[in-house]
Amino acid sequence: MTFDEDTIQTIWEKGRVMQDHDATQWRKDECGAWIYREHYGVTDTEFGWKIEKVMPDVSERADSFRPFHHRNSYNIANGAPHCHVTADRIELAPMEHVDRPRNREL
């Protein structure tokens, strides 16, 4: 499916904003993986992302879609994300923030 730039931006804005990073460039998907705005459709980068349908309706409204890391997906049948990649918090204290986004495979 092809999306116009306005729809891509609307779906991008559904990603989780992280207080300590620029929300115009960095978000997290439903699995907690970092995604980078300029890497939409790119699959050979750590922060590439795609658009996944998350509602079983046949509608093509932006409300039916969410941004996901290119290796993660959404299973409409069971209503849950299928996560292969998430943010890397290894060796970080619970309240400590990362200074540079990083992902890890699950």
PDB file of N, CA and C in Angstrom:
ATOM      1  N   MET A   1       0.836  -1.169   0.000  1.00  0.00           N
ATOM      2  CA  MET A   1       0.000   0.000   0.000  1.00  0.00           C
ATOM      3  C   MET A   1       0.888   1.242   0.000  1.00  0.00           C
ATOM      4  N   THR A   2       0.503   2.229  -0.750  1.00  0.00           N
ATOM      5  CA  THR A   2       1.240   3.480  -0.838  1.00  0.00           C
ATOM      6  C   THR A   2       0.502   4.568  -0.075  1.00  0.00           C
ATOM      7  N   PHE A   3       1.245   5.350   0.690  1.00  0.00           N
ATOM      8  CA  PHE A   3       0.670   6.433   1.487  1.00  0.00           C
ATOM      9  C   PHE A   3       1.245   7.766   1.035  1.00  0.00           C
ATOM     10  N   ASP A   4       0.411   8.802   1.054  1.00  0.00           N
ATOM     11  CA  ASP A   4       0.930  10.131   0.738  1.00  0.00           C
ATOM     12  C   ASP A   4       1.644  10.682   1.976  1.00  0.00           C
ATOM     13  N   GLU A   5       2.405  11.748   1.798  1.00  0.00           N
ATOM     14  CA  GLU A   5       3.229  12.298   2.874  1.00  0.00           C
ATOM     15  C   GLU A   5       2.407  12.756   4.079  1.00  0.00           C
ATOM     16  N   ASP A   6       1.237  13.325   3.843  1.00  0.00           N
ATOM     17  CA  ASP A   6       0.386  13.755   4.962  1.00  0.00           C
ATOM     18  C   ASP A   6      -0.069  12.566   5.805  1.00  0.00           C
ATOM     19  N   THR A   7      -0.426  11.471   5.166  1.00  0.00           N
ATOM     20  CA  THR A   7      -0.856  10.275   5.884  1.00  0.00           C
ATOM     21  C   THR A   7       0.314   9.655   6.645  1.00  0.00           C
ATOM     22  N   ILE A   8       1.491   9.626   6.018  1.00  0.00           N
ATOM     23  CA  ILE A   8       2.686   9.108   6.692  1.00  0.00           C
ATOM     24  C   ILE A   8       2.957   9.918   7.956  1.00  0.00           C
ATOM     25  N   GLN A   9       2.858  11.238   7.851  1.00  0.00           N
ATOM     26  CA  GLN A   9       3.098  12.090   9.016  1.00  0.00           C
ATOM     27  C   GLN A   9       2.053  11.846  10.104  1.00  0.00           C
ATOM     28  N   THR A  10       0.795  11.705   9.715  1.00  0.00           N
ATOM     29  CA  THR A  10      -0.274  11.441  10.684  1.00  0.00           C
ATOM     30  C   THR A  10      -0.018  10.136  11.427  1.00  0.00           C
ATOM     31  N   ILE A  11       0.397   9.112  10.712  1.00  0.00           N
ATOM     32  CA  ILE A  11       0.685   7.818  11.335  1.00  0.00           C
ATOM     33  C   ILE A  11       1.950   7.911  12.182  1.00  0.00           C
ATOM     34  N   TRP A  12       2.968   8.613  11.711  1.00  0.00           N
ATOM     35  CA  TRP A  12       4.187   8.836  12.499  1.00  0.00           C
ATOM     36  C   TRP A  12       3.841   9.420  13.869  1.00  0.00           C
ATOM     37  N   GLU A  13       2.936  10.345  13.906  1.00  0.00           N
ATOM     38  CA  GLU A  13       2.566  11.023  15.148  1.00  0.00           C
ATOM     39  C   GLU A  13       1.873  10.094  16.152  1.00  0.00           C
ATOM     40  N   LYS A  14       1.518   8.891  15.734  1.00  0.00           N
ATOM     41  CA  LYS A  14       0.934   7.901  16.645  1.00  0.00           C
ATOM     42  C   LYS A  14       2.012   7.123  17.399  1.00  0.00           C
ATOM     43  N   GLY A  15       3.261   7.287  17.004  1.00  0.00           N
ATOM     44  CA  GLY A  15       4.372   6.661  17.728  1.00  0.00           C
ATOM     45  C   GLY A  15       4.540   7.324  19.089  1.00  0.00           C
ATOM     46  N   ARG A  16       5.145   6.582  20.021  1.00  0.00           N
ATOM     47  CA  ARG A  16       5.347   7.112  21.378  1.00  0.00           C
ATOM     48  C   ARG A  16       6.439   8.175  21.404  1.00  0.00           C
ATOM     49  N   VAL A  17       6.107   9.318  21.964  1.00  0.00           N
ATOM     50  CA  VAL A  17       7.060  10.415  22.123  1.00  0.00           C
ATOM     51  C   VAL A  17       7.890  10.152  23.374  1.00  0.00           C
ATOM     52  N   MET A  18       9.173  10.392  23.281  1.00  0.00           N
ATOM     53  CA  MET A  18      10.064  10.259  24.422  1.00  0.00           C
ATOM     54  C   MET A  18      10.506  11.653  24.835  1.00  0.00           C
ATOM     55  N   GLN A  19      10.266  11.974  26.067  1.00  0.00           N
ATOM     56  CA  GLN A  19      10.472  13.317  26.604  1.00  0.00           C
ATOM     57  C   GLN A  19      11.875  13.872  26.350  1.00  0.00           C
ATOM     58  N   ASP A  20      12.877  13.023  26.363  1.00  0.00           N
ATOM     59  CA  ASP A  20      14.249  13.489  26.241  1.00  0.00           C
ATOM     60  C   ASP A  20      14.802  13.464  24.810  1.00  0.00           C
ATOM     61  N   HIS A  21      13.927  13.253  23.805  1.00  0.00           N
ATOM     62  CA  HIS A  21      14.364  13.237  22.405  1.00  0.00           C
ATOM     63  C   HIS A  21      13.393  14.023  21.527  1.00  0.00           C
ATOM     64  N   ASP A  22      13.899  14.577  20.446  1.00  0.00           N
ATOM     65  CA  ASP A  22      13.127  15.391  19.512  1.00  0.00           C
ATOM     66  C   ASP A  22      12.019  14.558  18.865  1.00  0.00           C
ATOM     67  N   ALA A  23      10.767  14.861  19.197  1.00  0.00           N
ATOM     68  CA  ALA A  23       9.620  14.079  18.703  1.00  0.00           C
ATOM     69  C   ALA A  23       9.400  14.225  17.204  1.00  0.00           C
ATOM     70  N   THR A  24       9.999  15.229  16.582  1.00  0.00           N
ATOM     71  CA  THR A  24       9.861  15.345  15.128  1.00  0.00           C
ATOM     72  C   THR A  24      10.750  14.334  14.421  1.00  0.00           C
ATOM     73  N   GLN A  25      11.778  13.820  15.116  1.00  0.00           N
ATOM     74  CA  GLN A  25      12.711  12.879  14.519  1.00  0.00           C
ATOM     75  C   GLN A  25      12.694  11.487  15.133  1.00  0.00           C
ATOM     76  N   TRP A  26      12.426  11.379  16.454  1.00  0.00           N
ATOM     77  CA  TRP A  26      12.515  10.104  17.156  1.00  0.00           C
ATOM     78  C   TRP A  26      11.193   9.748  17.815  1.00  0.00           C
ATOM     79  N   ARG A  27      10.773   8.496  17.674  1.00  0.00           N
ATOM     80  CA  ARG A  27       9.607   7.948  18.353  1.00  0.00           C
ATOM     81  C   ARG A  27       9.910   6.489  18.683  1.00  0.00           C
ATOM     82  N   LYS A  28       8.991   5.873  19.424  1.00  0.00           N
ATOM     83  CA  LYS A  28       9.064   4.437  19.666  1.00  0.00           C
ATOM     84  C   LYS A  28       7.786   3.796  19.154  1.00  0.00           C
ATOM     85  N   ASP A  29       7.913   2.567  18.664  1.00  0.00           N
ATOM     86  CA  ASP A  29       6.730   1.842  18.213  1.00  0.00           C
ATOM     87  C   ASP A  29       6.080   1.126  19.397  1.00  0.00           C
ATOM     88  N   GLU A  30       5.048   0.338  19.146  1.00  0.00           N
ATOM     89  CA  GLU A  30       4.320  -0.343  20.225  1.00  0.00           C
ATOM     90  C   GLU A  30       5.154  -1.416  20.928  1.00  0.00           C
ATOM     91  N   CYS A  31       6.259  -1.818  20.322  1.00  0.00           N
ATOM     92  CA  CYS A  31       7.166  -2.779  20.952  1.00  0.00           C
ATOM     93  C   CYS A  31       8.244  -2.066  21.763  1.00  0.00           C
ATOM     94  N   GLY A  32       8.289  -0.762  21.656  1.00  0.00           N
ATOM     95  CA  GLY A  32       9.308   0.004  22.353  1.00  0.00           C
ATOM     96  C   GLY A  32      10.573   0.215  21.542  1.00  0.00           C
ATOM     97  N   ALA A  33      10.576  -0.183  20.277  1.00  0.00           N
ATOM     98  CA  ALA A  33      11.752  -0.002  19.425  1.00  0.00           C
ATOM     99  C   ALA A  33      11.826   1.441  18.930  1.00  0.00           C
ATOM    100  N   TRP A  34      13.046   1.984  18.889  1.00  0.00           N
ATOM    101  CA  TRP A  34      13.252   3.332  18.368  1.00  0.00           C
ATOM    102  C   TRP A  34      13.060   3.339  16.857  1.00  0.00           C
ATOM    103  N   ILE A  35      12.405   4.381  16.369  1.00  0.00           N
ATOM    104  CA  ILE A  35      12.266   4.602  14.927  1.00  0.00           C
ATOM    105  C   ILE A  35      12.638   6.056  14.630  1.00  0.00           C
ATOM    106  N   TYR A  36      13.191   6.272  13.451  1.00  0.00           N
ATOM    107  CA  TYR A  36      13.677   7.592  13.041  1.00  0.00           C
ATOM    108  C   TYR A  36      12.857   8.064  11.849  1.00  0.00           C
ATOM    109  N   ARG A  37      12.305   9.252  11.951  1.00  0.00           N
ATOM    110  CA  ARG A  37      11.341   9.753  10.955  1.00  0.00           C
ATOM    111  C   ARG A  37      11.846   9.636   9.517  1.00  0.00           C
ATOM    112  N   GLU A  38      13.085  10.014   9.282  1.00  0.00           N
ATOM    113  CA  GLU A  38      13.620  10.021   7.912  1.00  0.00           C
ATOM    114  C   GLU A  38      13.882   8.622   7.357  1.00  0.00           C
ATOM    115  N   HIS A  39      13.751   7.588   8.191  1.00  0.00           N
ATOM    116  CA  HIS A  39      14.018   6.223   7.742  1.00  0.00           C
ATOM    117  C   HIS A  39      12.746   5.448   7.415  1.00  0.00           C
ATOM    118  N   TYR A  40      11.655   6.152   7.101  1.00  0.00           N
ATOM    119  CA  TYR A  40      10.426   5.465   6.699  1.00  0.00           C
ATOM    120  C   TYR A  40      10.693   4.645   5.432  1.00  0.00           C
ATOM    121  N   GLY A  41      10.321   3.378   5.477  1.00  0.00           N
ATOM    122  CA  GLY A  41      10.485   2.493   4.322  1.00  0.00           C
ATOM    123  C   GLY A  41      11.883   1.925   4.148  1.00  0.00           C
ATOM    124  N   VAL A  42      12.804   2.266   5.038  1.00  0.00           N
ATOM    125  CA  VAL A  42      14.183   1.792   4.944  1.00  0.00           C
ATOM    126  C   VAL A  42      14.344   0.559   5.830  1.00  0.00           C
ATOM    127  N   THR A  43      14.851  -0.515   5.263  1.00  0.00           N
ATOM    128  CA  THR A  43      14.965  -1.767   6.025  1.00  0.00           C
ATOM    129  C   THR A  43      16.404  -2.165   6.361  1.00  0.00           C
ATOM    130  N   ASP A  44      17.369  -1.401   5.899  1.00  0.00           N
ATOM    131  CA  ASP A  44      18.764  -1.755   6.180  1.00  0.00           C
ATOM    132  C   ASP A  44      19.402  -0.803   7.193  1.00  0.00           C
ATOM    133  N   THR A  45      18.585  -0.315   8.128  1.00  0.00           N
ATOM    134  CA  THR A  45      19.068   0.569   9.170  1.00  0.00           C
ATOM    135  C   THR A  45      18.471   0.156  10.514  1.00  0.00           C
ATOM    136  N   GLU A  46      19.127   0.497  11.585  1.00  0.00           N
ATOM    137  CA  GLU A  46      18.667   0.137  12.922  1.00  0.00           C
ATOM    138  C   GLU A  46      17.339   0.794  13.296  1.00  0.00           C
ATOM    139  N   PHE A  47      17.029   1.940  12.671  1.00  0.00           N
ATOM    140  CA  PHE A  47      15.850   2.703  13.064  1.00  0.00           C
ATOM    141  C   PHE A  47      14.795   2.827  11.964  1.00  0.00           C
ATOM    142  N   GLY A  48      14.880   1.982  10.931  1.00  0.00           N
ATOM    143  CA  GLY A  48      13.905   2.015   9.849  1.00  0.00           C
ATOM    144  C   GLY A  48      12.524   1.615  10.349  1.00  0.00           C
ATOM    145  N   TRP A  49      11.485   2.124   9.675  1.00  0.00           N
ATOM    146  CA  TRP A  49      10.124   1.821  10.111  1.00  0.00           C
ATOM    147  C   TRP A  49       9.183   1.691   8.935  1.00  0.00           C
ATOM    148  N   LYS A  50       8.024   1.107   9.246  1.00  0.00           N
ATOM    149  CA  LYS A  50       6.987   0.874   8.247  1.00  0.00           C
ATOM    150  C   LYS A  50       5.635   1.173   8.892  1.00  0.00           C
ATOM    151  N   ILE A  51       4.617   1.105   8.086  1.00  0.00           N
ATOM    152  CA  ILE A  51       3.252   1.317   8.560  1.00  0.00           C
ATOM    153  C   ILE A  51       2.535  -0.020   8.573  1.00  0.00           C
ATOM    154  N   GLU A  52       1.928  -0.348   9.723  1.00  0.00           N
ATOM    155  CA  GLU A  52       1.208  -1.617   9.897  1.00  0.00           C
ATOM    156  C   GLU A  52      -0.270  -1.357  10.175  1.00  0.00           C
ATOM    157  N   LYS A  53      -1.109  -2.160   9.572  1.00  0.00           N
ATOM    158  CA  LYS A  53      -2.549  -2.100   9.847  1.00  0.00           C
ATOM    159  C   LYS A  53      -2.803  -2.759  11.201  1.00  0.00           C
ATOM    160  N   VAL A  54      -3.582  -2.096  12.064  1.00  0.00           N
ATOM    161  CA  VAL A  54      -3.837  -2.619  13.403  1.00  0.00           C
ATOM    162  C   VAL A  54      -5.318  -2.829  13.696  1.00  0.00           C
ATOM    163  N   MET A  55      -6.162  -2.568  12.713  1.00  0.00           N
ATOM    164  CA  MET A  55      -7.600  -2.776  12.898  1.00  0.00           C
ATOM    165  C   MET A  55      -8.116  -3.681  11.790  1.00  0.00           C
ATOM    166  N   PRO A  56      -9.020  -4.604  12.136  1.00  0.00           N
ATOM    167  CA  PRO A  56      -9.489  -5.568  11.145  1.00  0.00           C
ATOM    168  C   PRO A  56     -10.462  -4.998  10.112  1.00  0.00           C
ATOM    169  N   ASP A  57     -10.874  -3.760  10.276  1.00  0.00           N
ATOM    170  CA  ASP A  57     -11.828  -3.201   9.309  1.00  0.00           C
ATOM    171  C   ASP A  57     -11.175  -3.036   7.944  1.00  0.00           C
ATOM    172  N   VAL A  58     -11.984  -2.823   6.961  1.00  0.00           N
ATOM    173  CA  VAL A  58     -11.476  -2.672   5.600  1.00  0.00           C
ATOM    174  C   VAL A  58     -11.137  -1.220   5.278  1.00  0.00           C
ATOM    175  N   SER A  59     -11.341  -0.356   6.225  1.00  0.00           N
ATOM    176  CA  SER A  59     -11.090   1.062   6.036  1.00  0.00           C
ATOM    177  C   SER A  59      -9.602   1.327   5.817  1.00  0.00           C
ATOM    178  N   GLU A  60      -9.319   2.316   5.036  1.00  0.00           N
ATOM    179  CA  GLU A  60      -7.943   2.731   4.812  1.00  0.00           C
ATOM    180  C   GLU A  60      -7.665   4.055   5.511  1.00  0.00           C
ATOM    181  N   ARG A  61      -8.463   4.384   6.533  1.00  0.00           N
ATOM    182  CA  ARG A  61      -8.258   5.598   7.319  1.00  0.00           C
ATOM    183  C   ARG A  61      -6.948   5.487   8.103  1.00  0.00           C
ATOM    184  N   ALA A  62      -6.335   6.609   8.376  1.00  0.00           N
ATOM    185  CA  ALA A  62      -5.081   6.630   9.134  1.00  0.00           C
ATOM    186  C   ALA A  62      -5.263   6.024  10.523  1.00  0.00           C
ATOM    187  N   ASP A  63      -6.481   6.080  11.080  1.00  0.00           N
ATOM    188  CA  ASP A  63      -6.747   5.501  12.395  1.00  0.00           C
ATOM    189  C   ASP A  63      -6.528   3.991  12.421  1.00  0.00           C
ATOM    190  N   SER A  64      -6.528   3.358  11.279  1.00  0.00           N
ATOM    191  CA  SER A  64      -6.370   1.904  11.197  1.00  0.00           C
ATOM    192  C   SER A  64      -4.917   1.457  11.162  1.00  0.00           C
ATOM    193  N   PHE A  65      -3.974   2.398  11.237  1.00  0.00           N
ATOM    194  CA  PHE A  65      -2.557   2.094  11.071  1.00  0.00           C
ATOM    195  C   PHE A  65      -1.715   2.662  12.209  1.00  0.00           C
ATOM    196  N   ARG A  66      -0.512   2.071  12.414  1.00  0.00           N
ATOM    197  CA  ARG A  66       0.445   2.550  13.407  1.00  0.00           C
ATOM    198  C   ARG A  66       1.859   2.407  12.832  1.00  0.00           C
ATOM    199  N   PRO A  67       2.792   3.212  13.341  1.00  0.00           N
ATOM    200  CA  PRO A  67       4.190   3.052  12.906  1.00  0.00           C
ATOM    201  C   PRO A  67       4.860   1.898  13.667  1.00  0.00           C
ATOM    202  N   PHE A  68       5.620   1.083  12.969  1.00  0.00           N
ATOM    203  CA  PHE A  68       6.352  -0.032  13.574  1.00  0.00           C
ATOM    204  C   PHE A  68       7.769  -0.093  13.014  1.00  0.00           C
ATOM    205  N   HIS A  69       8.703  -0.479  13.880  1.00  0.00           N
ATOM    206  CA  HIS A  69      10.055  -0.771  13.426  1.00  0.00           C
ATOM    207  C   HIS A  69       9.943  -1.772  12.278  1.00  0.00           C
ATOM    208  N   HIS A  70      10.822  -1.690  11.307  1.00  0.00           N
ATOM    209  CA  HIS A  70      10.687  -2.538  10.110  1.00  0.00           C
ATOM    210  C   HIS A  70      10.750  -4.032  10.409  1.00  0.00           C
ATOM    211  N   ARG A  71      11.270  -4.448  11.567  1.00  0.00           N
ATOM    212  CA  ARG A  71      11.310  -5.874  11.906  1.00  0.00           C
ATOM    213  C   ARG A  71      10.158  -6.307  12.804  1.00  0.00           C
ATOM    214  N   ASN A  72       9.372  -5.363  13.304  1.00  0.00           N
ATOM    215  CA  ASN A  72       8.221  -5.673  14.144  1.00  0.00           C
ATOM    216  C   ASN A  72       6.956  -5.642  13.307  1.00  0.00           C
ATOM    217  N   SER A  73       5.891  -6.223  13.828  1.00  0.00           N
ATOM    218  CA  SER A  73       4.629  -6.244  13.098  1.00  0.00           C
ATOM    219  C   SER A  73       3.460  -6.275  14.074  1.00  0.00           C
ATOM    220  N   TYR A  74       2.266  -6.332  13.531  1.00  0.00           N
ATOM    221  CA  TYR A  74       1.067  -6.374  14.363  1.00  0.00           C
ATOM    222  C   TYR A  74       0.186  -7.515  13.892  1.00  0.00           C
ATOM    223  N   ASN A  75      -0.265  -8.340  14.833  1.00  0.00           N
ATOM    224  CA  ASN A  75      -1.139  -9.465  14.518  1.00  0.00           C
ATOM    225  C   ASN A  75      -2.581  -9.040  14.782  1.00  0.00           C
ATOM    226  N   ILE A  76      -3.309  -8.744  13.744  1.00  0.00           N
ATOM    227  CA  ILE A  76      -4.695  -8.280  13.883  1.00  0.00           C
ATOM    228  C   ILE A  76      -5.567  -9.358  14.522  1.00  0.00           C
ATOM    229  N   ALA A  77      -5.309 -10.610  14.205  1.00  0.00           N
ATOM    230  CA  ALA A  77      -6.137 -11.706  14.724  1.00  0.00           C
ATOM    231  C   ALA A  77      -6.151 -11.772  16.247  1.00  0.00           C
ATOM    232  N   ASN A  78      -4.991 -11.579  16.873  1.00  0.00           N
ATOM    233  CA  ASN A  78      -4.981 -11.628  18.334  1.00  0.00           C
ATOM    234  C   ASN A  78      -4.858 -10.247  18.974  1.00  0.00           C
ATOM    235  N   GLY A  79      -4.820  -9.205  18.151  1.00  0.00           N
ATOM    236  CA  GLY A  79      -4.819  -7.839  18.650  1.00  0.00           C
ATOM    237  C   GLY A  79      -3.580  -7.446  19.433  1.00  0.00           C
ATOM    238  N   ALA A  80      -2.410  -7.951  19.002  1.00  0.00           N
ATOM    239  CA  ALA A  80      -1.183  -7.659  19.739  1.00  0.00           C
ATOM    240  C   ALA A  80      -0.001  -7.484  18.785  1.00  0.00           C
ATOM    241  N   PRO A  81       0.969  -6.673  19.199  1.00  0.00           N
ATOM    242  CA  PRO A  81       2.168  -6.539  18.372  1.00  0.00           C
ATOM    243  C   PRO A  81       3.018  -7.803  18.434  1.00  0.00           C
ATOM    244  N   HIS A  82       3.755  -8.047  17.368  1.00  0.00           N
ATOM    245  CA  HIS A  82       4.702  -9.150  17.299  1.00  0.00           C
ATOM    246  C   HIS A  82       6.090  -8.501  17.288  1.00  0.00           C
ATOM    247  N   CYS A  83       6.800  -8.593  18.389  1.00  0.00           N
ATOM    248  CA  CYS A  83       8.035  -7.828  18.589  1.00  0.00           C
ATOM    249  C   CYS A  83       9.290  -8.673  18.397  1.00  0.00           C
ATOM    250  N   HIS A  84      10.167  -8.195  17.553  1.00  0.00           N
ATOM    251  CA  HIS A  84      11.493  -8.784  17.354  1.00  0.00           C
ATOM    252  C   HIS A  84      12.575  -7.831  17.846  1.00  0.00           C
ATOM    253  N   VAL A  85      12.234  -6.524  17.902  1.00  0.00           N
ATOM    254  CA  VAL A  85      13.189  -5.489  18.280  1.00  0.00           C
ATOM    255  C   VAL A  85      12.530  -4.578  19.303  1.00  0.00           C
ATOM    256  N   THR A  86      13.293  -4.172  20.298  1.00  0.00           N
ATOM    257  CA  THR A  86      12.821  -3.215  21.297  1.00  0.00           C
ATOM    258  C   THR A  86      13.983  -2.300  21.671  1.00  0.00           C
ATOM    259  N   ALA A  87      13.711  -1.274  22.452  1.00  0.00           N
ATOM    260  CA  ALA A  87      14.778  -0.381  22.899  1.00  0.00           C
ATOM    261  C   ALA A  87      15.723  -1.133  23.827  1.00  0.00           C
ATOM    262  N   ASP A  88      16.974  -0.789  23.763  1.00  0.00           N
ATOM    263  CA  ASP A  88      17.983  -1.421  24.603  1.00  0.00           C
ATOM    264  C   ASP A  88      18.147  -0.631  25.894  1.00  0.00           C
ATOM    265  N   ARG A  89      17.759  -1.239  27.007  1.00  0.00           N
ATOM    266  CA  ARG A  89      17.910  -0.596  28.319  1.00  0.00           C
ATOM    267  C   ARG A  89      18.872  -1.386  29.209  1.00  0.00           C
ATOM    268  N   ILE A  90      19.610  -2.306  28.611  1.00  0.00           N
ATOM    269  CA  ILE A  90      20.565  -3.096  29.379  1.00  0.00           C
ATOM    270  C   ILE A  90      21.604  -2.154  29.997  1.00  0.00           C
ATOM    271  N   GLU A  91      21.894  -2.385  31.254  1.00  0.00           N
ATOM    272  CA  GLU A  91      22.857  -1.601  32.023  1.00  0.00           C
ATOM    273  C   GLU A  91      22.392  -0.179  32.319  1.00  0.00           C
ATOM    274  N   LEU A  92      21.091   0.095  32.205  1.00  0.00           N
ATOM    275  CA  LEU A  92      20.545   1.400  32.569  1.00  0.00           C
ATOM    276  C   LEU A  92      19.703   1.256  33.828  1.00  0.00           C
ATOM    277  N   ALA A  93      19.837   2.208  34.726  1.00  0.00           N
ATOM    278  CA  ALA A  93      18.983   2.222  35.911  1.00  0.00           C
ATOM    279  C   ALA A  93      17.547   2.515  35.466  1.00  0.00           C
ATOM    280  N   PRO A  94      16.536   2.100  36.245  1.00  0.00           N
ATOM    281  CA  PRO A  94      15.142   2.272  35.837  1.00  0.00           C
ATOM    282  C   PRO A  94      14.759   3.698  35.435  1.00  0.00           C
ATOM    283  N   MET A  95      15.288   4.703  36.095  1.00  0.00           N
ATOM    284  CA  MET A  95      14.922   6.080  35.774  1.00  0.00           C
ATOM    285  C   MET A  95      15.939   6.776  34.880  1.00  0.00           C
ATOM    286  N   GLU A  96      16.987   6.092  34.490  1.00  0.00           N
ATOM    287  CA  GLU A  96      18.020   6.681  33.642  1.00  0.00           C
ATOM    288  C   GLU A  96      17.565   6.689  32.187  1.00  0.00           C
ATOM    289  N   HIS A  97      17.942   7.712  31.457  1.00  0.00           N
ATOM    290  CA  HIS A  97      17.575   7.834  30.046  1.00  0.00           C
ATOM    291  C   HIS A  97      18.785   7.580  29.158  1.00  0.00           C
ATOM    292  N   VAL A  98      18.530   7.130  27.952  1.00  0.00           N
ATOM    293  CA  VAL A  98      19.621   6.934  27.006  1.00  0.00           C
ATOM    294  C   VAL A  98      19.988   8.281  26.405  1.00  0.00           C
ATOM    295  N   ASP A  99      21.265   8.477  26.152  1.00  0.00           N
ATOM    296  CA  ASP A  99      21.668   9.724  25.509  1.00  0.00           C
ATOM    297  C   ASP A  99      21.631   9.580  23.989  1.00  0.00           C
ATOM    298  N   ARG A 100      21.714   8.363  23.496  1.00  0.00           N
ATOM    299  CA  ARG A 100      21.583   8.092  22.063  1.00  0.00           C
ATOM    300  C   ARG A 100      20.675   6.885  21.906  1.00  0.00           C
ATOM    301  N   PRO A 101      19.605   6.998  21.122  1.00  0.00           N
ATOM    302  CA  PRO A 101      18.708   5.857  20.953  1.00  0.00           C
ATOM    303  C   PRO A 101      19.458   4.620  20.467  1.00  0.00           C
ATOM    304  N   ARG A 102      19.032   3.469  20.984  1.00  0.00           N
ATOM    305  CA  ARG A 102      19.633   2.215  20.560  1.00  0.00           C
ATOM    306  C   ARG A 102      18.584   1.114  20.686  1.00  0.00           C
ATOM    307  N   ASN A 103      18.641   0.156  19.781  1.00  0.00           N
ATOM    308  CA  ASN A 103      17.715  -0.975  19.762  1.00  0.00           C
ATOM    309  C   ASN A 103      18.475  -2.261  19.997  1.00  0.00           C
ATOM    310  N   ARG A 104      17.718  -3.317  20.325  1.00  0.00           N
ATOM    311  CA  ARG A 104      18.312  -4.656  20.444  1.00  0.00           C
ATOM    312  C   ARG A 104      17.293  -5.677  19.979  1.00  0.00           C
ATOM    313  N   GLU A 105      17.787  -6.802  19.502  1.00  0.00           N
ATOM    314  CA  GLU A 105      16.912  -7.899  19.106  1.00  0.00           C
ATOM    315  C   GLU A 105      16.457  -8.634  20.349  1.00  0.00           C
ATOM    316  N   LEU A 106      15.226  -9.126  20.326  1.00  0.00           N
ATOM    317  CA  LEU A 106      14.702  -9.914  21.455  1.00  0.00           C
ATOM    318  C   LEU A 106      15.079 -11.369  21.304  1.00  0.00           C
TER     319      LEU A 106
END
